[in-house]
Amino acid sequence: MRSRGGLTRRSLANCTTGVGIRSSGPTCGPTPQVWTGSSDSSKRAGQRPRRYFVKPTSARLHQANSTNSGQPARSLAEINRLFVYGTLVFDDVVSALIDRIPHQLDAKAPGWRIVRLPKKVYPGLVPGHGEANGKVLTDLTDAEWATLDAFEDPDYTLATVRVMIPLETDARTYIWRGDHLDEPWSTVGFGRDELADYLDRCLSWRRRHDQRRAIDGQQ
């Protein structure tokens, strides 16, 4: 799981929405206003483009089931658990992005694989035999969801999957929709060869993200 922009890289009540990559879905009822980093696509002559505060999941809502689950996944709006894998299993990376280490549990996602991506140091989660090892973060705030959503590459889609922690439950996760290699991604290799440089880039991204939020908050 990686960042856009310089890196190589959501209660909703009685409402369920699913859309594709880079699309915005409808929301219903009052929701906390949280920054997602998305910008208004319309521009008025003579005015700077504005950015808006919206529910963080609205940009990536998608419904998906684990390939070996016989039960439909619940709405993303009902789930406040994030299954992380790849670079986000490293506490230093998570702390660089949201300034703390959330409560976490070791978890596995049956029917998914963590694979290498072309010309990227971070991996993607794709359907496949076996299981993907990772962690479930259980106490993310809306603001932290928004930061992580802004951080992730746009070729990730937020989805519902079945995970074991150890009992089976639903969690959200970022699945990969772009091209990928048929090779497993190595946590050990990344920690040894890429982590230090990746952390520097995460910290740089966070500074730029905070600066954009501060500027837009003054408009």
C-alpha atoms as a PDB file:
ATOM      1  CA  MET A   1       0.000   0.000   0.000  1.00  0.00           C
ATOM      2  CA  ARG A   2       1.541   3.229  -1.046  1.00  0.00           C
ATOM      3  CA  SER A   3       1.136   6.892  -1.629  1.00  0.00           C
ATOM      4  CA  ARG A   4       0.309   9.002  -4.603  1.00  0.00           C
ATOM      5  CA  GLY A   5       2.009  12.272  -5.378  1.00  0.00           C
ATOM      6  CA  GLY A   6       5.745  11.972  -5.025  1.00  0.00           C
ATOM      7  CA  LEU A   7       5.922   8.442  -3.679  1.00  0.00           C
ATOM      8  CA  THR A   8       6.641   5.401  -5.691  1.00  0.00           C
ATOM      9  CA  ARG A   9       4.344   3.942  -4.514  1.00  0.00           C
ATOM     10  CA  ARG A  10     -15.570   6.203   6.140  1.00  0.00           C
ATOM     11  CA  SER A  11     -22.132   6.567  10.078  1.00  0.00           C
ATOM     12  CA  LEU A  12     -23.659   6.287   6.831  1.00  0.00           C
ATOM     13  CA  ALA A  13     -27.051   5.040   8.112  1.00  0.00           C
ATOM     14  CA  ASN A  14     -29.437   3.127   5.849  1.00  0.00           C
ATOM     15  CA  CYS A  15     -27.250   3.760   2.857  1.00  0.00           C
ATOM     16  CA  THR A  16     -24.965   1.449   0.881  1.00  0.00           C
ATOM     17  CA  THR A  17     -22.970   2.695  -2.064  1.00  0.00           C
ATOM     18  CA  GLY A  18     -20.472   1.066  -4.413  1.00  0.00           C
ATOM     19  CA  VAL A  19     -18.487   2.787  -7.108  1.00  0.00           C
ATOM     20  CA  GLY A  20     -15.339   2.240  -9.101  1.00  0.00           C
ATOM     21  CA  ILE A  21     -11.894   3.722  -8.899  1.00  0.00           C
ATOM     22  CA  ARG A  22     -11.626   7.510  -8.668  1.00  0.00           C
ATOM     23  CA  SER A  23     -15.406   7.899  -8.482  1.00  0.00           C
ATOM     24  CA  SER A  24     -17.529   9.593  -5.839  1.00  0.00           C
ATOM     25  CA  GLY A  25     -20.576   7.875  -4.379  1.00  0.00           C
ATOM     26  CA  PRO A  26     -23.628   9.444  -2.766  1.00  0.00           C
ATOM     27  CA  THR A  27     -23.894   9.741   0.976  1.00  0.00           C
ATOM     28  CA  CYS A  28     -26.941  10.141   3.188  1.00  0.00           C
ATOM     29  CA  GLY A  29     -27.457  11.646   6.614  1.00  0.00           C
ATOM     30  CA  PRO A  30     -25.050  13.936   8.445  1.00  0.00           C
ATOM     31  CA  THR A  31     -21.456  12.790   8.502  1.00  0.00           C
ATOM     32  CA  PRO A  32     -18.364  14.192  10.217  1.00  0.00           C
ATOM     33  CA  GLN A  33     -16.447  16.551   7.987  1.00  0.00           C
ATOM     34  CA  VAL A  34     -13.054  15.062   7.312  1.00  0.00           C
ATOM     35  CA  TRP A  35     -10.387  16.069   4.852  1.00  0.00           C
ATOM     36  CA  THR A  36      -9.655  13.581   2.070  1.00  0.00           C
ATOM     37  CA  GLY A  37      -7.301  15.580  -0.112  1.00  0.00           C
ATOM     38  CA  SER A  38      -9.621  15.553  -3.129  1.00  0.00           C
ATOM     39  CA  SER A  39     -10.128  18.705  -5.153  1.00  0.00           C
ATOM     40  CA  ASP A  40     -13.098  20.212  -6.937  1.00  0.00           C
ATOM     41  CA  SER A  41     -12.947  19.315 -10.607  1.00  0.00           C
ATOM     42  CA  SER A  42     -14.941  22.418 -11.648  1.00  0.00           C
ATOM     43  CA  LYS A  43     -13.161  25.756 -11.880  1.00  0.00           C
ATOM     44  CA  ARG A  44     -14.764  29.192 -12.125  1.00  0.00           C
ATOM     45  CA  ALA A  45     -13.016  31.819 -14.154  1.00  0.00           C
ATOM     46  CA  GLY A  46     -10.757  33.976 -12.048  1.00  0.00           C
ATOM     47  CA  GLN A  47     -11.021  31.761  -8.968  1.00  0.00           C
ATOM     48  CA  ARG A  48      -8.637  29.287  -7.467  1.00  0.00           C
ATOM     49  CA  PRO A  49      -9.940  25.700  -7.317  1.00  0.00           C
ATOM     50  CA  ARG A  50     -11.484  24.804  -3.949  1.00  0.00           C
ATOM     51  CA  ARG A  51     -11.087  21.644  -1.920  1.00  0.00           C
ATOM     52  CA  TYR A  52     -13.827  20.160   0.212  1.00  0.00           C
ATOM     53  CA  PHE A  53     -14.249  18.144   3.405  1.00  0.00           C
ATOM     54  CA  VAL A  54     -16.160  14.911   2.757  1.00  0.00           C
ATOM     55  CA  LYS A  55     -16.564  11.473   4.243  1.00  0.00           C
ATOM     56  CA  PRO A  56     -13.181   9.785   3.570  1.00  0.00           C
ATOM     57  CA  THR A  57     -14.578   6.591   2.076  1.00  0.00           C
ATOM     58  CA  SER A  58     -16.726   8.349  -0.503  1.00  0.00           C
ATOM     59  CA  ALA A  59     -13.983   8.405  -3.122  1.00  0.00           C
ATOM     60  CA  ARG A  60     -13.271   4.685  -3.118  1.00  0.00           C
ATOM     61  CA  LEU A  61     -16.366   2.758  -1.968  1.00  0.00           C
ATOM     62  CA  HIS A  62     -16.430  -0.721  -3.425  1.00  0.00           C
ATOM     63  CA  GLN A  63     -17.997  -4.024  -2.385  1.00  0.00           C
ATOM     64  CA  ALA A  64     -15.937  -7.204  -2.570  1.00  0.00           C
ATOM     65  CA  ASN A  65     -16.047 -10.597  -0.881  1.00  0.00           C
ATOM     66  CA  SER A  66     -13.193 -12.913  -0.040  1.00  0.00           C
ATOM     67  CA  THR A  67     -13.073 -15.642  -2.639  1.00  0.00           C
ATOM     68  CA  ASN A  68     -13.635 -18.390  -0.078  1.00  0.00           C
ATOM     69  CA  SER A  69     -16.398 -16.696   1.937  1.00  0.00           C
ATOM     70  CA  GLY A  70     -19.923 -18.014   1.646  1.00  0.00           C
ATOM     71  CA  GLN A  71     -21.400 -14.893   3.256  1.00  0.00           C
ATOM     72  CA  PRO A  72     -21.854 -11.467   1.667  1.00  0.00           C
ATOM     73  CA  ALA A  73     -19.602  -8.765   3.040  1.00  0.00           C
ATOM     74  CA  ARG A  74     -21.255  -6.044   5.088  1.00  0.00           C
ATOM     75  CA  SER A  75     -21.447  -2.432   3.963  1.00  0.00           C
ATOM     76  CA  LEU A  76     -18.242  -0.458   4.327  1.00  0.00           C
ATOM     77  CA  ALA A  77     -20.200   2.023   6.415  1.00  0.00           C
ATOM     78  CA  GLU A  78     -20.735  -0.679   9.049  1.00  0.00           C
ATOM     79  CA  ILE A  79     -17.080  -1.585   9.423  1.00  0.00           C
ATOM     80  CA  ASN A  80     -14.395   0.321  11.289  1.00  0.00           C
ATOM     81  CA  ARG A  81     -11.572  -2.185  10.949  1.00  0.00           C
ATOM     82  CA  LEU A  82      -8.783  -1.777   8.417  1.00  0.00           C
ATOM     83  CA  PHE A  83      -6.783  -4.782   7.252  1.00  0.00           C
ATOM     84  CA  VAL A  84      -3.305  -3.591   6.380  1.00  0.00           C
ATOM     85  CA  TYR A  85      -0.518  -5.435   4.653  1.00  0.00           C
ATOM     86  CA  GLY A  86       2.740  -4.617   2.959  1.00  0.00           C
ATOM     87  CA  THR A  87       4.347  -1.353   4.021  1.00  0.00           C
ATOM     88  CA  LEU A  88       1.581  -0.546   6.553  1.00  0.00           C
ATOM     89  CA  VAL A  89       2.485  -3.496   8.780  1.00  0.00           C
ATOM     90  CA  PHE A  90       5.546  -1.471   9.768  1.00  0.00           C
ATOM     91  CA  ASP A  91       4.731   0.633  12.848  1.00  0.00           C
ATOM     92  CA  ASP A  92       7.186   3.344  11.819  1.00  0.00           C
ATOM     93  CA  VAL A  93       5.334   3.854   8.522  1.00  0.00           C
ATOM     94  CA  VAL A  94       1.919   4.112  10.201  1.00  0.00           C
ATOM     95  CA  SER A  95       3.293   6.482  12.839  1.00  0.00           C
ATOM     96  CA  ALA A  96       4.841   8.702  10.161  1.00  0.00           C
ATOM     97  CA  LEU A  97       1.436   9.052   8.504  1.00  0.00           C
ATOM     98  CA  ILE A  98      -0.971   9.478  11.457  1.00  0.00           C
ATOM     99  CA  ASP A  99       1.352  10.319  14.379  1.00  0.00           C
ATOM    100  CA  ARG A 100       0.536   7.237  16.458  1.00  0.00           C
ATOM    101  CA  ILE A 101       0.327   3.441  16.353  1.00  0.00           C
ATOM    102  CA  PRO A 102      -3.321   2.303  16.501  1.00  0.00           C
ATOM    103  CA  HIS A 103      -4.528  -0.783  18.335  1.00  0.00           C
ATOM    104  CA  GLN A 104      -3.782  -3.718  16.066  1.00  0.00           C
ATOM    105  CA  LEU A 105      -4.275  -7.458  15.804  1.00  0.00           C
ATOM    106  CA  ASP A 106      -2.442 -10.009  13.682  1.00  0.00           C
ATOM    107  CA  ALA A 107      -4.743 -11.168  10.895  1.00  0.00           C
ATOM    108  CA  LYS A 108      -4.970 -13.247   7.733  1.00  0.00           C
ATOM    109  CA  ALA A 109      -7.136 -12.735   4.657  1.00  0.00           C
ATOM    110  CA  PRO A 110      -7.916 -16.119   3.049  1.00  0.00           C
ATOM    111  CA  GLY A 111      -8.248 -16.092  -0.713  1.00  0.00           C
ATOM    112  CA  TRP A 112      -5.932 -13.117  -1.258  1.00  0.00           C
ATOM    113  CA  ARG A 113      -2.278 -12.721  -2.209  1.00  0.00           C
ATOM    114  CA  ILE A 114       0.233  -9.927  -1.592  1.00  0.00           C
ATOM    115  CA  VAL A 115       2.175  -9.455  -4.821  1.00  0.00           C
ATOM    116  CA  ARG A 116       4.852  -7.245  -6.257  1.00  0.00           C
ATOM    117  CA  LEU A 117       3.912  -4.340  -8.527  1.00  0.00           C
ATOM    118  CA  PRO A 118       5.851  -3.169 -11.574  1.00  0.00           C
ATOM    119  CA  LYS A 119       8.438  -0.501 -10.756  1.00  0.00           C
ATOM    120  CA  LYS A 120       7.074   0.004  -7.208  1.00  0.00           C
ATOM    121  CA  VAL A 121       8.501  -0.879  -3.812  1.00  0.00           C
ATOM    122  CA  TYR A 122       5.052  -1.351  -2.239  1.00  0.00           C
ATOM    123  CA  PRO A 123       2.759  -4.327  -2.959  1.00  0.00           C
ATOM    124  CA  GLY A 124      -0.828  -4.954  -4.005  1.00  0.00           C
ATOM    125  CA  LEU A 125      -3.541  -7.269  -2.672  1.00  0.00           C
ATOM    126  CA  VAL A 126      -5.118  -9.446  -5.373  1.00  0.00           C
ATOM    127  CA  PRO A 127      -7.379 -12.533  -5.340  1.00  0.00           C
ATOM    128  CA  GLY A 128      -5.522 -15.837  -5.261  1.00  0.00           C
ATOM    129  CA  HIS A 129      -4.935 -19.129  -3.541  1.00  0.00           C
ATOM    130  CA  GLY A 130      -3.602 -19.170  -0.006  1.00  0.00           C
ATOM    131  CA  GLU A 131      -3.863 -16.269   2.417  1.00  0.00           C
ATOM    132  CA  ALA A 132      -2.439 -12.805   2.945  1.00  0.00           C
ATOM    133  CA  ASN A 133      -0.776 -12.034   6.267  1.00  0.00           C
ATOM    134  CA  GLY A 134      -1.210  -8.614   7.811  1.00  0.00           C
ATOM    135  CA  LYS A 135      -2.752  -6.698  10.711  1.00  0.00           C
ATOM    136  CA  VAL A 136      -6.181  -5.254  11.510  1.00  0.00           C
ATOM    137  CA  LEU A 137      -6.261  -1.695  12.873  1.00  0.00           C
ATOM    138  CA  THR A 138      -9.359  -1.343  15.069  1.00  0.00           C
ATOM    139  CA  ASP A 139      -9.511   2.224  16.413  1.00  0.00           C
ATOM    140  CA  LEU A 140      -8.796   4.616  13.559  1.00  0.00           C
ATOM    141  CA  THR A 141     -10.462   8.024  13.802  1.00  0.00           C
ATOM    142  CA  ASP A 142     -12.235   9.634  10.844  1.00  0.00           C
ATOM    143  CA  ALA A 143      -9.294  12.015  10.395  1.00  0.00           C
ATOM    144  CA  GLU A 144      -6.846   9.099  10.333  1.00  0.00           C
ATOM    145  CA  TRP A 145      -9.016   7.243   7.783  1.00  0.00           C
ATOM    146  CA  ALA A 146      -8.928  10.384   5.634  1.00  0.00           C
ATOM    147  CA  THR A 147      -5.143  10.652   5.828  1.00  0.00           C
ATOM    148  CA  LEU A 148      -4.601   7.023   4.880  1.00  0.00           C
ATOM    149  CA  ASP A 149      -7.128   7.330   2.041  1.00  0.00           C
ATOM    150  CA  ALA A 150      -5.284  10.358   0.672  1.00  0.00           C
ATOM    151  CA  PHE A 151      -1.973   8.526   1.029  1.00  0.00           C
ATOM    152  CA  GLU A 152      -2.916   5.460  -0.993  1.00  0.00           C
ATOM    153  CA  ASP A 153      -2.187   5.142  -4.698  1.00  0.00           C
ATOM    154  CA  PRO A 154      -5.349   5.776  -6.795  1.00  0.00           C
ATOM    155  CA  ASP A 155      -5.091   2.260  -8.266  1.00  0.00           C
ATOM    156  CA  TYR A 156      -6.134   0.896  -4.866  1.00  0.00           C
ATOM    157  CA  THR A 157      -9.857   0.439  -4.212  1.00  0.00           C
ATOM    158  CA  LEU A 158     -11.310   0.274  -0.714  1.00  0.00           C
ATOM    159  CA  ALA A 159     -13.167  -3.035  -0.313  1.00  0.00           C
ATOM    160  CA  THR A 160     -14.677  -5.396   2.252  1.00  0.00           C
ATOM    161  CA  VAL A 161     -12.895  -8.715   2.779  1.00  0.00           C
ATOM    162  CA  ARG A 162     -13.174 -11.583   5.266  1.00  0.00           C
ATOM    163  CA  VAL A 163     -10.264 -11.854   7.703  1.00  0.00           C
ATOM    164  CA  MET A 164      -9.275 -14.187  10.531  1.00  0.00           C
ATOM    165  CA  ILE A 165      -8.186 -12.503  13.821  1.00  0.00           C
ATOM    166  CA  PRO A 166      -8.506 -15.425  14.751  1.00  0.00           C
ATOM    167  CA  LEU A 167     -12.313 -15.565  14.378  1.00  0.00           C
ATOM    168  CA  GLU A 168     -13.662 -14.695  10.953  1.00  0.00           C
ATOM    169  CA  THR A 169     -14.961 -11.144  10.552  1.00  0.00           C
ATOM    170  CA  ASP A 170     -15.238  -8.357   7.987  1.00  0.00           C
ATOM    171  CA  ALA A 171     -12.638  -5.648   7.504  1.00  0.00           C
ATOM    172  CA  ARG A 172     -11.946  -2.973   4.983  1.00  0.00           C
ATOM    173  CA  THR A 173      -8.768  -3.074   2.964  1.00  0.00           C
ATOM    174  CA  TYR A 174      -7.180  -1.557  -0.103  1.00  0.00           C
ATOM    175  CA  ILE A 175      -7.168  -4.026  -2.989  1.00  0.00           C
ATOM    176  CA  TRP A 176      -5.109  -3.465  -6.101  1.00  0.00           C
ATOM    177  CA  ARG A 177      -6.833  -2.920  -9.470  1.00  0.00           C
ATOM    178  CA  GLY A 178      -3.821  -2.207 -11.664  1.00  0.00           C
ATOM    179  CA  ASP A 179      -1.155  -4.343 -13.284  1.00  0.00           C
ATOM    180  CA  HIS A 180       0.846  -6.610 -11.011  1.00  0.00           C
ATOM    181  CA  LEU A 181       3.553  -9.234 -11.137  1.00  0.00           C
ATOM    182  CA  ASP A 182       2.930 -12.891 -10.382  1.00  0.00           C
ATOM    183  CA  GLU A 183       5.525 -12.777  -7.622  1.00  0.00           C
ATOM    184  CA  PRO A 184       5.094 -12.553  -3.833  1.00  0.00           C
ATOM    185  CA  TRP A 185       6.138  -9.337  -2.097  1.00  0.00           C
ATOM    186  CA  SER A 186       8.728  -9.777   0.653  1.00  0.00           C
ATOM    187  CA  THR A 187       8.224  -8.039   3.998  1.00  0.00           C
ATOM    188  CA  VAL A 188      11.727  -9.016   5.060  1.00  0.00           C
ATOM    189  CA  GLY A 189      13.278  -7.731   1.842  1.00  0.00           C
ATOM    190  CA  PHE A 190      11.442  -4.428   2.055  1.00  0.00           C
ATOM    191  CA  GLY A 191      12.443  -3.920   5.677  1.00  0.00           C
ATOM    192  CA  ARG A 192      16.050  -4.607   4.850  1.00  0.00           C
ATOM    193  CA  ASP A 193      16.446  -2.754   1.560  1.00  0.00           C
ATOM    194  CA  GLU A 194      13.727  -0.109   1.228  1.00  0.00           C
ATOM    195  CA  LEU A 195      12.276   0.869   4.609  1.00  0.00           C
ATOM    196  CA  ALA A 196      14.640   3.702   5.552  1.00  0.00           C
ATOM    197  CA  ASP A 197      14.211   5.534   2.251  1.00  0.00           C
ATOM    198  CA  TYR A 198      10.470   4.846   2.240  1.00  0.00           C
ATOM    199  CA  LEU A 199      10.093   6.383   5.700  1.00  0.00           C
ATOM    200  CA  ASP A 200      11.793   9.565   4.513  1.00  0.00           C
ATOM    201  CA  ARG A 201       9.334   9.809   1.637  1.00  0.00           C
ATOM    202  CA  CYS A 202       6.373   9.147   3.944  1.00  0.00           C
ATOM    203  CA  LEU A 203       7.462  11.976   6.223  1.00  0.00           C
ATOM    204  CA  SER A 204       7.894  14.303   3.229  1.00  0.00           C
ATOM    205  CA  TRP A 205       4.416  13.378   1.967  1.00  0.00           C
ATOM    206  CA  ARG A 206       2.888  14.061   5.389  1.00  0.00           C
ATOM    207  CA  ARG A 207       4.484  17.515   5.552  1.00  0.00           C
ATOM    208  CA  ARG A 208       3.114  18.404   2.112  1.00  0.00           C
ATOM    209  CA  HIS A 209      -0.307  16.998   3.050  1.00  0.00           C
ATOM    210  CA  ASP A 210      -0.453  19.088   6.224  1.00  0.00           C
ATOM    211  CA  GLN A 211       0.637  22.195   4.332  1.00  0.00           C
ATOM    212  CA  ARG A 212      -2.131  21.709   1.737  1.00  0.00           C
ATOM    213  CA  ARG A 213      -4.706  21.264   4.505  1.00  0.00           C
ATOM    214  CA  ALA A 214      -3.521  24.429   6.255  1.00  0.00           C
ATOM    215  CA  ILE A 215      -3.686  26.483   3.057  1.00  0.00           C
ATOM    216  CA  ASP A 216      -7.112  25.191   2.066  1.00  0.00           C
ATOM    217  CA  GLY A 217      -8.424  25.736   5.588  1.00  0.00           C
ATOM    218  CA  GLN A 218      -7.659  29.454   5.208  1.00  0.00           C
ATOM    219  CA  GLN A 219      -9.675  29.806   1.998  1.00  0.00           C
END
